[in-house]
Amino acid sequence: MPTYDYECQTCGHQFEAKQSMKDPHLTDCPVEACAGPVKRKIGVGAGFIFKGTGFYITDYRSDSYKAAAKQDAQSSSSSSSSSSGSSSSSSSAPAAPASAA
C-alpha cells in the first residue's frame, strides 16, 4: 500500500498516510486543535526492494559485450594452454632441489 505525504494549509503540520490508490485524498488535519484543509504533497516515489539472490552488473549486458567477452575468453584459454606447456618444464626444474632439501 503506498504512503502519501500531506501538509496542513493552516498549521503547516506534515504527516504521512498509508492509503490505497483508490482511496480518496484526506481533507482534514489530524491535529485536534486544527481543522484546516490538507494538501497531498508530491512524493519522491518508492524505493527499490531487492528480492531474490541478487543483481549483478553482468546480468543485463548488451549482446555486443557478451560476444566480445566470449572472444576474450576463447583467446585467453588458447594462450594459457600454450603457455602452460612451457611453464611446466621451467617449474619442474626448481621444484626438484626443493623436495631434496
PDB file of N, CA and C in Angstrom:
ATOM      1  N   MET A   1       0.850  -1.164   0.000  1.00  0.00           N
ATOM      2  CA  MET A   1       0.000   0.000   0.000  1.00  0.00           C
ATOM      3  C   MET A   1       0.903   1.236   0.000  1.00  0.00           C
ATOM      4  N   PRO A   2       0.665   2.205  -0.872  1.00  0.00           N
ATOM      5  CA  PRO A   2       1.527   3.388  -0.953  1.00  0.00           C
ATOM      6  C   PRO A   2       1.388   4.308   0.258  1.00  0.00           C
ATOM      7  N   THR A   3       2.445   5.040   0.520  1.00  0.00           N
ATOM      8  CA  THR A   3       2.455   6.038   1.581  1.00  0.00           C
ATOM      9  C   THR A   3       2.438   7.415   0.931  1.00  0.00           C
ATOM     10  N   TYR A   4       1.517   8.269   1.361  1.00  0.00           N
ATOM     11  CA  TYR A   4       1.380   9.607   0.806  1.00  0.00           C
ATOM     12  C   TYR A   4       1.741  10.639   1.862  1.00  0.00           C
ATOM     13  N   ASP A   5       2.366  11.724   1.435  1.00  0.00           N
ATOM     14  CA  ASP A   5       2.720  12.831   2.317  1.00  0.00           C
ATOM     15  C   ASP A   5       1.657  13.915   2.202  1.00  0.00           C
ATOM     16  N   TYR A   6       1.255  14.447   3.355  1.00  0.00           N
ATOM     17  CA  TYR A   6       0.265  15.522   3.413  1.00  0.00           C
ATOM     18  C   TYR A   6       0.825  16.681   4.209  1.00  0.00           C
ATOM     19  N   GLU A   7       0.321  17.884   3.940  1.00  0.00           N
ATOM     20  CA  GLU A   7       0.687  19.074   4.701  1.00  0.00           C
ATOM     21  C   GLU A   7      -0.559  19.911   4.931  1.00  0.00           C
ATOM     22  N   CYS A   8      -0.747  20.347   6.187  1.00  0.00           N
ATOM     23  CA  CYS A   8      -1.892  21.183   6.537  1.00  0.00           C
ATOM     24  C   CYS A   8      -1.650  22.597   6.015  1.00  0.00           C
ATOM     25  N   GLN A   9      -2.659  23.184   5.385  1.00  0.00           N
ATOM     26  CA  GLN A   9      -2.548  24.526   4.844  1.00  0.00           C
ATOM     27  C   GLN A   9      -2.661  25.597   5.932  1.00  0.00           C
ATOM     28  N   THR A  10      -3.227  25.233   7.090  1.00  0.00           N
ATOM     29  CA  THR A  10      -3.433  26.197   8.170  1.00  0.00           C
ATOM     30  C   THR A  10      -2.260  26.209   9.151  1.00  0.00           C
ATOM     31  N   CYS A  11      -1.932  25.046   9.728  1.00  0.00           N
ATOM     32  CA  CYS A  11      -0.899  24.999  10.774  1.00  0.00           C
ATOM     33  C   CYS A  11       0.460  24.522  10.263  1.00  0.00           C
ATOM     34  N   GLY A  12       0.536  23.982   9.059  1.00  0.00           N
ATOM     35  CA  GLY A  12       1.809  23.525   8.497  1.00  0.00           C
ATOM     36  C   GLY A  12       2.227  22.147   8.948  1.00  0.00           C
ATOM     37  N   HIS A  13       1.369  21.434   9.665  1.00  0.00           N
ATOM     38  CA  HIS A  13       1.676  20.078  10.144  1.00  0.00           C
ATOM     39  C   HIS A  13       1.857  19.139   8.951  1.00  0.00           C
ATOM     40  N   GLN A  14       2.957  18.381   8.948  1.00  0.00           N
ATOM     41  CA  GLN A  14       3.228  17.424   7.875  1.00  0.00           C
ATOM     42  C   GLN A  14       3.109  16.014   8.434  1.00  0.00           C
ATOM     43  N   PHE A  15       2.481  15.140   7.664  1.00  0.00           N
ATOM     44  CA  PHE A  15       2.300  13.757   8.114  1.00  0.00           C
ATOM     45  C   PHE A  15       2.200  12.842   6.915  1.00  0.00           C
ATOM     46  N   GLU A  16       2.329  11.543   7.180  1.00  0.00           N
ATOM     47  CA  GLU A  16       2.219  10.513   6.151  1.00  0.00           C
ATOM     48  C   GLU A  16       0.981   9.673   6.420  1.00  0.00           C
ATOM     49  N   ALA A  17       0.398   9.152   5.353  1.00  0.00           N
ATOM     50  CA  ALA A  17      -0.761   8.275   5.491  1.00  0.00           C
ATOM     51  C   ALA A  17      -0.628   7.138   4.489  1.00  0.00           C
ATOM     52  N   LYS A  18      -0.830   5.910   4.973  1.00  0.00           N
ATOM     53  CA  LYS A  18      -0.845   4.761   4.074  1.00  0.00           C
ATOM     54  C   LYS A  18      -2.262   4.590   3.569  1.00  0.00           C
ATOM     55  N   GLN A  19      -2.413   4.698   2.262  1.00  0.00           N
ATOM     56  CA  GLN A  19      -3.733   4.600   1.643  1.00  0.00           C
ATOM     57  C   GLN A  19      -3.638   3.787   0.368  1.00  0.00           C
ATOM     58  N   SER A  20      -4.748   3.203   0.016  1.00  0.00           N
ATOM     59  CA  SER A  20      -4.847   2.543  -1.271  1.00  0.00           C
ATOM     60  C   SER A  20      -4.893   3.616  -2.353  1.00  0.00           C
ATOM     61  N   MET A  21      -4.509   3.261  -3.553  1.00  0.00           N
ATOM     62  CA  MET A  21      -4.564   4.233  -4.643  1.00  0.00           C
ATOM     63  C   MET A  21      -6.003   4.622  -4.976  1.00  0.00           C
ATOM     64  N   LYS A  22      -6.937   3.774  -4.615  1.00  0.00           N
ATOM     65  CA  LYS A  22      -8.344   4.035  -4.906  1.00  0.00           C
ATOM     66  C   LYS A  22      -9.012   4.904  -3.833  1.00  0.00           C
ATOM     67  N   ASP A  23      -8.386   5.029  -2.662  1.00  0.00           N
ATOM     68  CA  ASP A  23      -8.964   5.828  -1.585  1.00  0.00           C
ATOM     69  C   ASP A  23      -8.964   7.308  -1.954  1.00  0.00           C
ATOM     70  N   PRO A  24      -9.972   8.044  -1.492  1.00  0.00           N
ATOM     71  CA  PRO A  24      -9.969   9.498  -1.745  1.00  0.00           C
ATOM     72  C   PRO A  24      -8.899  10.188  -0.902  1.00  0.00           C
ATOM     73  N   HIS A  25      -8.467  11.371  -1.333  1.00  0.00           N
ATOM     74  CA  HIS A  25      -7.471  12.147  -0.612  1.00  0.00           C
ATOM     75  C   HIS A  25      -8.023  12.560   0.749  1.00  0.00           C
ATOM     76  N   LEU A  26      -7.130  12.678   1.741  1.00  0.00           N
ATOM     77  CA  LEU A  26      -7.545  13.194   3.037  1.00  0.00           C
ATOM     78  C   LEU A  26      -7.827  14.691   2.906  1.00  0.00           C
ATOM     79  N   THR A  27      -8.759  15.192   3.722  1.00  0.00           N
ATOM     80  CA  THR A  27      -9.140  16.598   3.605  1.00  0.00           C
ATOM     81  C   THR A  27      -8.937  17.385   4.882  1.00  0.00           C
ATOM     82  N   ASP A  28      -8.892  16.729   6.058  1.00  0.00           N
ATOM     83  CA  ASP A  28      -8.805  17.432   7.323  1.00  0.00           C
ATOM     84  C   ASP A  28      -7.494  17.121   8.038  1.00  0.00           C
ATOM     85  N   CYS A  29      -6.970  18.122   8.740  1.00  0.00           N
ATOM     86  CA  CYS A  29      -5.740  17.985   9.510  1.00  0.00           C
ATOM     87  C   CYS A  29      -5.989  17.059  10.710  1.00  0.00           C
ATOM     88  N   PRO A  30      -5.061  16.120  11.021  1.00  0.00           N
ATOM     89  CA  PRO A  30      -5.271  15.206  12.150  1.00  0.00           C
ATOM     90  C   PRO A  30      -5.005  15.855  13.514  1.00  0.00           C
ATOM     91  N   VAL A  31      -4.433  17.064  13.562  1.00  0.00           N
ATOM     92  CA  VAL A  31      -4.187  17.749  14.831  1.00  0.00           C
ATOM     93  C   VAL A  31      -5.531  18.194  15.392  1.00  0.00           C
ATOM     94  N   GLU A  32      -5.775  17.909  16.676  1.00  0.00           N
ATOM     95  CA  GLU A  32      -7.092  18.174  17.267  1.00  0.00           C
ATOM     96  C   GLU A  32      -7.424  19.661  17.320  1.00  0.00           C
ATOM     97  N   ALA A  33      -6.447  20.501  17.568  1.00  0.00           N
ATOM     98  CA  ALA A  33      -6.713  21.938  17.678  1.00  0.00           C
ATOM     99  C   ALA A  33      -6.897  22.593  16.313  1.00  0.00           C
ATOM    100  N   CYS A  34      -6.542  21.910  15.252  1.00  0.00           N
ATOM    101  CA  CYS A  34      -6.615  22.483  13.902  1.00  0.00           C
ATOM    102  C   CYS A  34      -7.550  21.639  13.050  1.00  0.00           C
ATOM    103  N   ALA A  35      -8.436  22.286  12.351  1.00  0.00           N
ATOM    104  CA  ALA A  35      -9.326  21.575  11.434  1.00  0.00           C
ATOM    105  C   ALA A  35      -9.116  22.079  10.011  1.00  0.00           C
ATOM    106  N   GLY A  36      -7.896  22.535   9.738  1.00  0.00           N
ATOM    107  CA  GLY A  36      -7.597  23.116   8.431  1.00  0.00           C
ATOM    108  C   GLY A  36      -7.532  22.085   7.319  1.00  0.00           C
ATOM    109  N   PRO A  37      -7.605  22.544   6.098  1.00  0.00           N
ATOM    110  CA  PRO A  37      -7.525  21.624   4.951  1.00  0.00           C
ATOM    111  C   PRO A  37      -6.088  21.150   4.736  1.00  0.00           C
ATOM    112  N   VAL A  38      -5.957  19.944   4.252  1.00  0.00           N
ATOM    113  CA  VAL A  38      -4.638  19.398   3.952  1.00  0.00           C
ATOM    114  C   VAL A  38      -4.473  19.239   2.453  1.00  0.00           C
ATOM    115  N   LYS A  39      -3.228  19.284   2.042  1.00  0.00           N
ATOM    116  CA  LYS A  39      -2.899  19.136   0.624  1.00  0.00           C
ATOM    117  C   LYS A  39      -1.901  17.997   0.492  1.00  0.00           C
ATOM    118  N   ARG A  40      -2.151  17.107  -0.459  1.00  0.00           N
ATOM    119  CA  ARG A  40      -1.230  15.993  -0.673  1.00  0.00           C
ATOM    120  C   ARG A  40      -0.023  16.505  -1.435  1.00  0.00           C
ATOM    121  N   LYS A  41       1.158  16.220  -0.895  1.00  0.00           N
ATOM    122  CA  LYS A  41       2.402  16.677  -1.494  1.00  0.00           C
ATOM    123  C   LYS A  41       2.864  15.676  -2.544  1.00  0.00           C
ATOM    124  N   ILE A  42       3.657  16.163  -3.457  1.00  0.00           N
ATOM    125  CA  ILE A  42       4.245  15.274  -4.463  1.00  0.00           C
ATOM    126  C   ILE A  42       5.418  14.575  -3.810  1.00  0.00           C
ATOM    127  N   GLY A  43       5.377  13.246  -3.799  1.00  0.00           N
ATOM    128  CA  GLY A  43       6.419  12.457  -3.151  1.00  0.00           C
ATOM    129  C   GLY A  43       7.540  12.119  -4.103  1.00  0.00           C
ATOM    130  N   VAL A  44       8.601  11.590  -3.536  1.00  0.00           N
ATOM    131  CA  VAL A  44       9.755  11.176  -4.327  1.00  0.00           C
ATOM    132  C   VAL A  44       9.575   9.779  -4.895  1.00  0.00           C
ATOM    133  N   GLY A  45       8.532   9.100  -4.528  1.00  0.00           N
ATOM    134  CA  GLY A  45       8.306   7.753  -5.031  1.00  0.00           C
ATOM    135  C   GLY A  45       8.831   6.706  -4.083  1.00  0.00           C
ATOM    136  N   ALA A  46       8.622   5.492  -4.446  1.00  0.00           N
ATOM    137  CA  ALA A  46       9.022   4.373  -3.592  1.00  0.00           C
ATOM    138  C   ALA A  46      10.468   4.002  -3.865  1.00  0.00           C
ATOM    139  N   GLY A  47      11.112   3.456  -2.871  1.00  0.00           N
ATOM    140  CA  GLY A  47      12.476   2.967  -3.034  1.00  0.00           C
ATOM    141  C   GLY A  47      12.471   1.592  -3.669  1.00  0.00           C
ATOM    142  N   PHE A  48      13.640   1.113  -4.000  1.00  0.00           N
ATOM    143  CA  PHE A  48      13.767  -0.210  -4.583  1.00  0.00           C
ATOM    144  C   PHE A  48      13.676  -1.268  -3.494  1.00  0.00           C
ATOM    145  N   ILE A  49      13.039  -2.349  -3.826  1.00  0.00           N
ATOM    146  CA  ILE A  49      13.004  -3.503  -2.938  1.00  0.00           C
ATOM    147  C   ILE A  49      13.651  -4.652  -3.706  1.00  0.00           C
ATOM    148  N   PHE A  50      14.813  -5.074  -3.239  1.00  0.00           N
ATOM    149  CA  PHE A  50      15.526  -6.148  -3.903  1.00  0.00           C
ATOM    150  C   PHE A  50      15.127  -7.476  -3.279  1.00  0.00           C
ATOM    151  N   LYS A  51      14.661  -8.387  -4.118  1.00  0.00           N
ATOM    152  CA  LYS A  51      14.296  -9.719  -3.657  1.00  0.00           C
ATOM    153  C   LYS A  51      15.039 -10.748  -4.494  1.00  0.00           C
ATOM    154  N   GLY A  52      15.258 -11.878  -3.942  1.00  0.00           N
ATOM    155  CA  GLY A  52      15.908 -12.942  -4.686  1.00  0.00           C
ATOM    156  C   GLY A  52      17.380 -13.042  -4.358  1.00  0.00           C
ATOM    157  N   THR A  53      18.125 -13.674  -5.251  1.00  0.00           N
ATOM    158  CA  THR A  53      19.536 -13.938  -4.994  1.00  0.00           C
ATOM    159  C   THR A  53      20.404 -12.715  -5.194  1.00  0.00           C
ATOM    160  N   GLY A  54      19.938 -11.733  -5.946  1.00  0.00           N
ATOM    161  CA  GLY A  54      20.723 -10.515  -6.114  1.00  0.00           C
ATOM    162  C   GLY A  54      20.790 -10.080  -7.555  1.00  0.00           C
ATOM    163  N   PHE A  55      21.341  -8.908  -7.740  1.00  0.00           N
ATOM    164  CA  PHE A  55      21.502  -8.337  -9.065  1.00  0.00           C
ATOM    165  C   PHE A  55      22.983  -8.046  -9.257  1.00  0.00           C
ATOM    166  N   TYR A  56      23.479  -8.369 -10.424  1.00  0.00           N
ATOM    167  CA  TYR A  56      24.882  -8.198 -10.698  1.00  0.00           C
ATOM    168  C   TYR A  56      25.050  -7.362 -11.953  1.00  0.00           C
ATOM    169  N   ILE A  57      26.209  -6.740 -12.087  1.00  0.00           N
ATOM    170  CA  ILE A  57      26.465  -5.861 -13.222  1.00  0.00           C
ATOM    171  C   ILE A  57      26.436  -6.637 -14.541  1.00  0.00           C
ATOM    172  N   THR A  58      26.709  -7.920 -14.495  1.00  0.00           N
ATOM    173  CA  THR A  58      26.745  -8.716 -15.720  1.00  0.00           C
ATOM    174  C   THR A  58      25.378  -9.279 -16.118  1.00  0.00           C
ATOM    175  N   ASP A  59      24.345  -9.030 -15.322  1.00  0.00           N
ATOM    176  CA  ASP A  59      23.027  -9.581 -15.632  1.00  0.00           C
ATOM    177  C   ASP A  59      22.402  -8.986 -16.884  1.00  0.00           C
ATOM    178  N   TYR A  60      22.654  -7.728 -17.154  1.00  0.00           N
ATOM    179  CA  TYR A  60      21.960  -7.046 -18.240  1.00  0.00           C
ATOM    180  C   TYR A  60      22.937  -6.470 -19.255  1.00  0.00           C
ATOM    181  N   ARG A  61      23.958  -7.214 -19.602  1.00  0.00           N
ATOM    182  CA  ARG A  61      24.933  -6.746 -20.568  1.00  0.00           C
ATOM    183  C   ARG A  61      24.371  -6.837 -21.979  1.00  0.00           C
ATOM    184  N   SER A  62      24.889  -5.987 -22.879  1.00  0.00           N
ATOM    185  CA  SER A  62      24.438  -5.985 -24.265  1.00  0.00           C
ATOM    186  C   SER A  62      24.996  -7.205 -24.992  1.00  0.00           C
ATOM    187  N   ASP A  63      24.407  -7.506 -26.144  1.00  0.00           N
ATOM    188  CA  ASP A  63      24.851  -8.663 -26.924  1.00  0.00           C
ATOM    189  C   ASP A  63      26.270  -8.472 -27.444  1.00  0.00           C
ATOM    190  N   SER A  64      26.625  -7.226 -27.824  1.00  0.00           N
ATOM    191  CA  SER A  64      27.976  -6.977 -28.326  1.00  0.00           C
ATOM    192  C   SER A  64      29.013  -7.192 -27.215  1.00  0.00           C
ATOM    193  N   TYR A  65      28.677  -6.815 -25.989  1.00  0.00           N
ATOM    194  CA  TYR A  65      29.598  -7.038 -24.866  1.00  0.00           C
ATOM    195  C   TYR A  65      29.778  -8.536 -24.619  1.00  0.00           C
ATOM    196  N   LYS A  66      28.677  -9.288 -24.673  1.00  0.00           N
ATOM    197  CA  LYS A  66      28.758 -10.731 -24.445  1.00  0.00           C
ATOM    198  C   LYS A  66      29.606 -11.408 -25.516  1.00  0.00           C
ATOM    199  N   ALA A  67      29.463 -10.954 -26.777  1.00  0.00           N
ATOM    200  CA  ALA A  67      30.245 -11.544 -27.863  1.00  0.00           C
ATOM    201  C   ALA A  67      31.735 -11.240 -27.678  1.00  0.00           C
ATOM    202  N   ALA A  68      32.076 -10.014 -27.289  1.00  0.00           N
ATOM    203  CA  ALA A  68      33.476  -9.649 -27.076  1.00  0.00           C
ATOM    204  C   ALA A  68      34.058 -10.420 -25.890  1.00  0.00           C
ATOM    205  N   ALA A  69      33.275 -10.589 -24.846  1.00  0.00           N
ATOM    206  CA  ALA A  69      33.742 -11.337 -23.679  1.00  0.00           C
ATOM    207  C   ALA A  69      33.987 -12.798 -24.040  1.00  0.00           C
ATOM    208  N   LYS A  70      33.138 -13.346 -24.888  1.00  0.00           N
ATOM    209  CA  LYS A  70      33.305 -14.742 -25.301  1.00  0.00           C
ATOM    210  C   LYS A  70      34.586 -14.898 -26.119  1.00  0.00           C
ATOM    211  N   GLN A  71      34.860 -13.926 -27.007  1.00  0.00           N
ATOM    212  CA  GLN A  71      36.087 -13.982 -27.798  1.00  0.00           C
ATOM    213  C   GLN A  71      37.311 -13.847 -26.903  1.00  0.00           C
ATOM    214  N   ASP A  72      37.252 -12.963 -25.922  1.00  0.00           N
ATOM    215  CA  ASP A  72      38.377 -12.804 -24.987  1.00  0.00           C
ATOM    216  C   ASP A  72      38.618 -14.085 -24.196  1.00  0.00           C
ATOM    217  N   ALA A  73      37.553 -14.734 -23.789  1.00  0.00           N
ATOM    218  CA  ALA A  73      37.685 -15.969 -23.022  1.00  0.00           C
ATOM    219  C   ALA A  73      38.318 -17.066 -23.868  1.00  0.00           C
ATOM    220  N   GLN A  74      37.910 -17.144 -25.132  1.00  0.00           N
ATOM    221  CA  GLN A  74      38.470 -18.163 -26.014  1.00  0.00           C
ATOM    222  C   GLN A  74      39.940 -17.887 -26.308  1.00  0.00           C
ATOM    223  N   SER A  75      40.290 -16.624 -26.536  1.00  0.00           N
ATOM    224  CA  SER A  75      41.686 -16.305 -26.836  1.00  0.00           C
ATOM    225  C   SER A  75      42.569 -16.488 -25.606  1.00  0.00           C
ATOM    226  N   SER A  76      42.049 -16.170 -24.426  1.00  0.00           N
ATOM    227  CA  SER A  76      42.864 -16.349 -23.221  1.00  0.00           C
ATOM    228  C   SER A  76      43.025 -17.832 -22.877  1.00  0.00           C
ATOM    229  N   SER A  77      42.022 -18.650 -23.158  1.00  0.00           N
ATOM    230  CA  SER A  77      42.158 -20.081 -22.861  1.00  0.00           C
ATOM    231  C   SER A  77      43.142 -20.739 -23.816  1.00  0.00           C
ATOM    232  N   SER A  78      43.175 -20.301 -25.077  1.00  0.00           N
ATOM    233  CA  SER A  78      44.126 -20.890 -26.018  1.00  0.00           C
ATOM    234  C   SER A  78      45.545 -20.417 -25.719  1.00  0.00           C
ATOM    235  N   SER A  79      45.719 -19.170 -25.280  1.00  0.00           N
ATOM    236  CA  SER A  79      47.064 -18.689 -24.955  1.00  0.00           C
ATOM    237  C   SER A  79      47.554 -19.278 -23.633  1.00  0.00           C
ATOM    238  N   SER A  80      46.671 -19.533 -22.703  1.00  0.00           N
ATOM    239  CA  SER A  80      47.099 -20.107 -21.420  1.00  0.00           C
ATOM    240  C   SER A  80      47.469 -21.575 -21.579  1.00  0.00           C
ATOM    241  N   SER A  81      46.842 -22.283 -22.496  1.00  0.00           N
ATOM    242  CA  SER A  81      47.202 -23.689 -22.686  1.00  0.00           C
ATOM    243  C   SER A  81      48.562 -23.811 -23.350  1.00  0.00           C
ATOM    244  N   SER A  82      48.897 -22.878 -24.259  1.00  0.00           N
ATOM    245  CA  SER A  82      50.209 -22.933 -24.896  1.00  0.00           C
ATOM    246  C   SER A  82      51.289 -22.450 -23.943  1.00  0.00           C
ATOM    247  N   SER A  83      50.980 -21.502 -23.079  1.00  0.00           N
ATOM    248  CA  SER A  83      51.988 -21.017 -22.136  1.00  0.00           C
ATOM    249  C   SER A  83      52.164 -21.975 -20.961  1.00  0.00           C
ATOM    250  N   SER A  84      51.150 -22.763 -20.644  1.00  0.00           N
ATOM    251  CA  SER A  84      51.273 -23.697 -19.530  1.00  0.00           C
ATOM    252  C   SER A  84      52.235 -24.827 -19.870  1.00  0.00           C
ATOM    253  N   GLY A  85      52.363 -25.175 -21.155  1.00  0.00           N
ATOM    254  CA  GLY A  85      53.299 -26.222 -21.550  1.00  0.00           C
ATOM    255  C   GLY A  85      54.734 -25.783 -21.342  1.00  0.00           C
ATOM    256  N   SER A  86      55.034 -24.526 -21.641  1.00  0.00           N
ATOM    257  CA  SER A  86      56.402 -24.049 -21.459  1.00  0.00           C
ATOM    258  C   SER A  86      56.694 -23.766 -19.998  1.00  0.00           C
ATOM    259  N   SER A  87      55.699 -23.375 -19.239  1.00  0.00           N
ATOM    260  CA  SER A  87      55.935 -23.061 -17.829  1.00  0.00           C
ATOM    261  C   SER A  87      56.058 -24.333 -16.993  1.00  0.00           C
ATOM    262  N   SER A  88      55.495 -25.442 -17.457  1.00  0.00           N
ATOM    263  CA  SER A  88      55.586 -26.672 -16.676  1.00  0.00           C
ATOM    264  C   SER A  88      57.006 -27.215 -16.676  1.00  0.00           C
ATOM    265  N   SER A  89      57.736 -27.046 -17.780  1.00  0.00           N
ATOM    266  CA  SER A  89      59.108 -27.534 -17.815  1.00  0.00           C
ATOM    267  C   SER A  89      59.999 -26.655 -16.954  1.00  0.00           C
ATOM    268  N   SER A  90      59.752 -25.352 -16.917  1.00  0.00           N
ATOM    269  CA  SER A  90      60.586 -24.474 -16.099  1.00  0.00           C
ATOM    270  C   SER A  90      60.221 -24.592 -14.621  1.00  0.00           C
ATOM    271  N   SER A  91      58.964 -24.905 -14.327  1.00  0.00           N
ATOM    272  CA  SER A  91      58.573 -25.005 -12.927  1.00  0.00           C
ATOM    273  C   SER A  91      58.999 -26.335 -12.315  1.00  0.00           C
ATOM    274  N   SER A  92      59.208 -27.381 -13.125  1.00  0.00           N
ATOM    275  CA  SER A  92      59.612 -28.661 -12.566  1.00  0.00           C
ATOM    276  C   SER A  92      61.088 -28.663 -12.183  1.00  0.00           C
ATOM    277  N   ALA A  93      61.888 -27.854 -12.830  1.00  0.00           N
ATOM    278  CA  ALA A  93      63.315 -27.830 -12.530  1.00  0.00           C
ATOM    279  C   ALA A  93      63.579 -27.251 -11.130  1.00  0.00           C
ATOM    280  N   PRO A  94      63.021 -26.128 -10.728  1.00  0.00           N
ATOM    281  CA  PRO A  94      63.269 -25.616  -9.370  1.00  0.00           C
ATOM    282  C   PRO A  94      62.607 -26.468  -8.289  1.00  0.00           C
ATOM    283  N   ALA A  95      61.560 -27.190  -8.626  1.00  0.00           N
ATOM    284  CA  ALA A  95      60.860 -27.969  -7.615  1.00  0.00           C
ATOM    285  C   ALA A  95      61.680 -29.170  -7.168  1.00  0.00           C
ATOM    286  N   ALA A  96      62.508 -29.727  -8.019  1.00  0.00           N
ATOM    287  CA  ALA A  96      63.284 -30.910  -7.663  1.00  0.00           C
ATOM    288  C   ALA A  96      64.287 -30.627  -6.542  1.00  0.00           C
ATOM    289  N   PRO A  97      65.090 -29.535  -6.578  1.00  0.00           N
ATOM    290  CA  PRO A  97      66.005 -29.291  -5.468  1.00  0.00           C
ATOM    291  C   PRO A  97      65.272 -28.966  -4.163  1.00  0.00           C
ATOM    292  N   ALA A  98      64.120 -28.368  -4.253  1.00  0.00           N
ATOM    293  CA  ALA A  98      63.397 -28.006  -3.044  1.00  0.00           C
ATOM    294  C   ALA A  98      62.906 -29.248  -2.317  1.00  0.00           C
ATOM    295  N   SER A  99      62.469 -30.281  -3.051  1.00  0.00           N
ATOM    296  CA  SER A  99      61.992 -31.505  -2.421  1.00  0.00           C
ATOM    297  C   SER A  99      63.153 -32.336  -1.863  1.00  0.00           C
ATOM    298  N   ALA A 100      64.356 -32.218  -2.457  1.00  0.00           N
ATOM    299  CA  ALA A 100      65.524 -32.949  -1.991  1.00  0.00           C
ATOM    300  C   ALA A 100      66.063 -32.370  -0.686  1.00  0.00           C
ATOM    301  N   ALA A 101      65.840 -31.093  -0.498  1.00  0.00           N
ATOM    302  CA  ALA A 101      66.394 -30.455   0.711  1.00  0.00           C
ATOM    303  C   ALA A 101      65.569 -30.678   1.891  1.00  0.00           C
TER     304      ALA A 101
END
